[in-house]
């Protein structure tokens, strides 16, 4: 395997830069200034990498990765180490993941409960407003239990006409009606 110093990097970097500059001239003739300037910018990168020592750094990184990989592929102890690492990650995720999922599930349930309660209250207010003929913005005092039976009397004909007008498979309205009945509205 050849080392970093056995390759002539300066002629290689300079050659790539010159080749890119020639290509940028062709691009300039065909496409204009802006695309040609982009090609010039990319063409200057090889010589810049040589002058800053980035090529040598990248070479050393590549060699280190290659040595790690070849030493890894043929070492039993390193494969056992991978297995132990995998087991540790699995145990860590299993322990922490269950708590995180439980907390997220509880948070969703609480939010869903609040939304259901808000929907029940809004549906009840809307139903009460529709039956009494008032709006919640103009009503100063909420309906009392004494007023509820009076609204039930006017509710029966409206309920019968609504049930005749809606399809039998409309479960959402049935659920809302059940909730309102349970609350005495």
Protein backbone atom coordinates (compact mmCIF):
# COMPACT_ATOMS: atom_id res chain seq x y z
CA UNK A 1 0.00 0.00 0.00
CA UNK A 2 1.41 3.36 -0.93
CA UNK A 3 1.69 6.14 1.64
CA UNK A 4 0.78 9.76 1.39
CA UNK A 5 4.30 10.90 0.51
CA UNK A 6 4.64 8.45 -2.38
CA UNK A 7 2.00 10.26 -4.46
CA UNK A 8 2.79 13.51 -6.25
CA UNK A 9 -0.10 15.59 -4.89
CA UNK A 10 0.91 19.00 -6.26
CA UNK A 11 0.81 17.99 -9.96
CA UNK A 12 -2.44 16.08 -9.35
CA UNK A 13 -4.16 19.03 -7.62
CA UNK A 14 -2.82 21.52 -10.18
CA UNK A 15 -3.93 19.29 -13.06
CA UNK A 16 -7.47 19.00 -11.67
CA UNK A 17 -7.61 22.78 -11.21
CA UNK A 18 -6.44 23.45 -14.78
CA UNK A 19 -8.90 20.88 -16.16
CA UNK A 20 -11.73 22.57 -14.22
CA UNK A 21 -10.74 26.00 -15.51
CA UNK A 22 -10.80 24.74 -19.10
CA UNK A 23 -14.23 23.25 -18.46
CA UNK A 24 -15.40 26.57 -16.99
CA UNK A 25 -14.38 28.33 -20.24
CA UNK A 26 -16.53 25.88 -22.22
CA UNK A 27 -19.43 26.42 -19.81
CA UNK A 28 -19.00 30.20 -20.10
CA UNK A 29 -19.24 30.02 -23.91
CA UNK A 30 -22.36 27.83 -23.79
CA UNK A 31 -24.29 28.96 -20.71
CA UNK A 32 -23.03 32.34 -19.59
CA UNK A 33 -21.18 33.89 -16.71
CA UNK A 34 -23.03 32.63 -13.65
CA UNK A 35 -22.69 28.86 -14.37
CA UNK A 36 -19.06 29.41 -15.44
CA UNK A 37 -18.25 31.12 -12.14
CA UNK A 38 -19.67 28.14 -10.27
CA UNK A 39 -17.40 25.79 -12.21
CA UNK A 40 -14.39 28.05 -11.53
CA UNK A 41 -15.20 27.96 -7.80
CA UNK A 42 -15.30 24.17 -7.78
CA UNK A 43 -12.15 23.99 -9.94
CA UNK A 44 -10.13 25.92 -7.36
CA UNK A 45 -10.91 23.45 -4.57
CA UNK A 46 -8.23 20.80 -5.39
CA UNK A 47 -5.32 23.28 -5.28
CA UNK A 48 -6.78 24.91 -2.16
CA UNK A 49 -6.99 21.49 -0.47
CA UNK A 50 -3.34 20.82 -1.32
CA UNK A 51 -2.13 24.20 -0.12
CA UNK A 52 -3.99 23.98 3.22
CA UNK A 53 -2.95 20.37 3.91
CA UNK A 54 -6.52 19.07 3.75
CA UNK A 55 -5.53 16.32 1.31
CA UNK A 56 -3.05 14.88 3.81
CA UNK A 57 -5.64 15.06 6.59
CA UNK A 58 -8.26 13.29 4.46
CA UNK A 59 -5.65 10.68 3.49
CA UNK A 60 -4.88 9.97 7.15
CA UNK A 61 -8.58 9.74 8.01
CA UNK A 62 -9.12 7.27 5.16
CA UNK A 63 -6.17 5.15 6.26
CA UNK A 64 -7.41 5.11 9.87
CA UNK A 65 -10.90 4.05 8.80
CA UNK A 66 -9.45 1.35 6.57
CA UNK A 67 -7.25 -0.03 9.36
CA UNK A 68 -10.14 0.02 11.79
CA UNK A 69 -12.34 -1.82 9.29
CA UNK A 70 -9.82 -4.53 8.45
CA UNK A 71 -8.91 -5.04 12.10
CA UNK A 72 -12.58 -5.16 12.91
CA UNK A 73 -13.58 -7.70 10.29
CA UNK A 74 -11.18 -10.36 11.51
CA UNK A 75 -11.34 -9.80 15.28
CA UNK A 76 -13.69 -11.98 17.35
CA UNK A 77 -13.41 -9.78 20.42
CA UNK A 78 -14.50 -6.71 18.45
CA UNK A 79 -17.58 -8.57 17.16
CA UNK A 80 -18.44 -9.56 20.73
CA UNK A 81 -18.01 -5.89 21.62
CA UNK A 82 -20.53 -4.98 18.91
CA UNK A 83 -22.98 -7.50 20.37
CA UNK A 84 -22.57 -6.09 23.88
CA UNK A 85 -22.99 -2.55 22.52
CA UNK A 86 -26.18 -3.60 20.74
CA UNK A 87 -27.50 -5.23 23.90
CA UNK A 88 -26.73 -2.10 25.93
CA UNK A 89 -28.54 0.11 23.39
CA UNK A 90 -31.55 -2.22 23.32
CA UNK A 91 -31.79 -2.27 27.12
CA UNK A 92 -31.40 1.50 27.32
CA UNK A 93 -34.13 2.08 24.75
CA UNK A 94 -36.44 -0.49 26.34
CA UNK A 95 -36.10 1.10 29.77
CA UNK A 96 -36.38 4.73 28.70
CA UNK A 97 -38.78 4.19 25.85
CA UNK A 98 -41.47 2.64 28.02
CA UNK A 99 -41.54 5.63 30.36
CA UNK A 100 -41.56 8.09 27.49
CA UNK A 101 -44.37 6.22 25.74
CA UNK A 102 -46.35 5.98 28.97
CA UNK A 103 -45.94 9.71 29.65
CA UNK A 104 -46.92 10.57 26.08
CA UNK A 105 -49.94 8.25 26.26
CA UNK A 106 -51.07 9.79 29.56
CA UNK A 107 -50.62 13.26 28.12
CA UNK A 108 -52.72 12.33 25.06
CA UNK A 109 -55.43 10.83 27.27
CA UNK A 110 -55.55 13.96 29.42
CA UNK A 111 -55.74 16.18 26.35
CA UNK A 112 -58.41 13.98 24.81
CA UNK A 113 -60.39 14.09 28.07
CA UNK A 114 -60.20 17.88 28.12
CA UNK A 115 -61.29 18.06 24.48
CA UNK A 116 -64.18 15.68 25.14
CA UNK A 117 -65.28 17.72 28.15
CA UNK A 118 -65.04 20.95 26.17
CA UNK A 119 -67.01 19.38 23.33
CA UNK A 120 -69.68 18.17 25.75
CA UNK A 121 -70.02 21.63 27.29
CA UNK A 122 -70.09 23.31 23.88
CA UNK A 123 -72.65 20.83 22.59
CA UNK A 124 -74.74 21.29 25.70
CA UNK A 125 -74.62 25.08 25.38
CA UNK A 126 -75.46 24.87 21.69
CA UNK A 127 -78.35 22.49 22.34
CA UNK A 128 -79.64 24.64 25.19
CA UNK A 129 -79.38 27.77 23.03
CA UNK A 130 -81.20 26.11 20.15
CA UNK A 131 -83.99 24.94 22.40
CA UNK A 132 -84.45 28.17 24.36
CA UNK A 133 -83.92 30.42 21.36
CA UNK A 134 -81.10 32.40 22.96
CA UNK A 135 -77.40 32.60 22.27
CA UNK A 136 -74.71 32.05 24.89
CA UNK A 137 -73.32 35.52 24.16
CA UNK A 138 -76.59 37.28 25.03
CA UNK A 139 -77.69 34.97 27.85
CA UNK A 140 -76.64 36.40 31.22
CA UNK A 141 -77.73 33.51 33.44
CA UNK A 142 -77.28 29.84 32.51
CA UNK A 143 -80.32 27.61 32.44
CA UNK A 144 -81.26 26.24 35.86
CA UNK A 145 -82.77 22.85 36.62
CA UNK A 146 -86.18 24.50 36.86
CA UNK A 147 -85.87 25.69 33.28
CA UNK A 148 -84.70 22.34 31.91
CA UNK A 149 -88.07 20.53 32.13
CA UNK A 150 -89.68 23.42 30.27
CA UNK A 151 -87.22 23.03 27.45
CA UNK A 152 -87.79 19.28 27.35
CA UNK A 153 -91.43 19.88 26.51
CA UNK A 154 -90.46 21.89 23.45
CA UNK A 155 -87.71 19.40 22.65
CA UNK A 156 -89.97 16.46 21.79
CA UNK A 157 -91.43 17.76 18.49
CA UNK A 158 -88.04 19.09 17.39
CA UNK A 159 -86.40 15.77 18.23
CA UNK A 160 -88.97 13.78 16.28
CA UNK A 161 -88.56 15.93 13.18
CA UNK A 162 -84.76 15.74 13.44
CA UNK A 163 -84.78 11.97 13.78
CA UNK A 164 -86.97 11.67 10.71
CA UNK A 165 -84.67 13.98 8.72
CA UNK A 166 -81.34 12.34 9.64
CA UNK A 167 -80.16 8.90 8.55
CA UNK A 168 -80.30 6.07 11.06
CA UNK A 169 -76.55 5.45 10.96
CA UNK A 170 -75.54 8.89 12.28
CA UNK A 171 -73.82 7.74 15.49
CA UNK A 172 -72.17 11.07 16.30
CA UNK A 173 -75.43 12.83 16.99
CA UNK A 174 -76.67 9.87 19.03
CA UNK A 175 -73.56 10.07 21.18
CA UNK A 176 -74.09 13.79 21.73
CA UNK A 177 -77.74 13.21 22.60
CA UNK A 178 -76.75 10.55 25.12
CA UNK A 179 -74.27 12.88 26.75
CA UNK A 180 -76.85 15.64 26.94
CA UNK A 181 -79.43 13.27 28.43
CA UNK A 182 -76.96 12.18 31.11
CA UNK A 183 -76.36 15.81 32.06
CA UNK A 184 -80.07 16.52 32.18
CA UNK A 185 -80.10 18.96 29.33
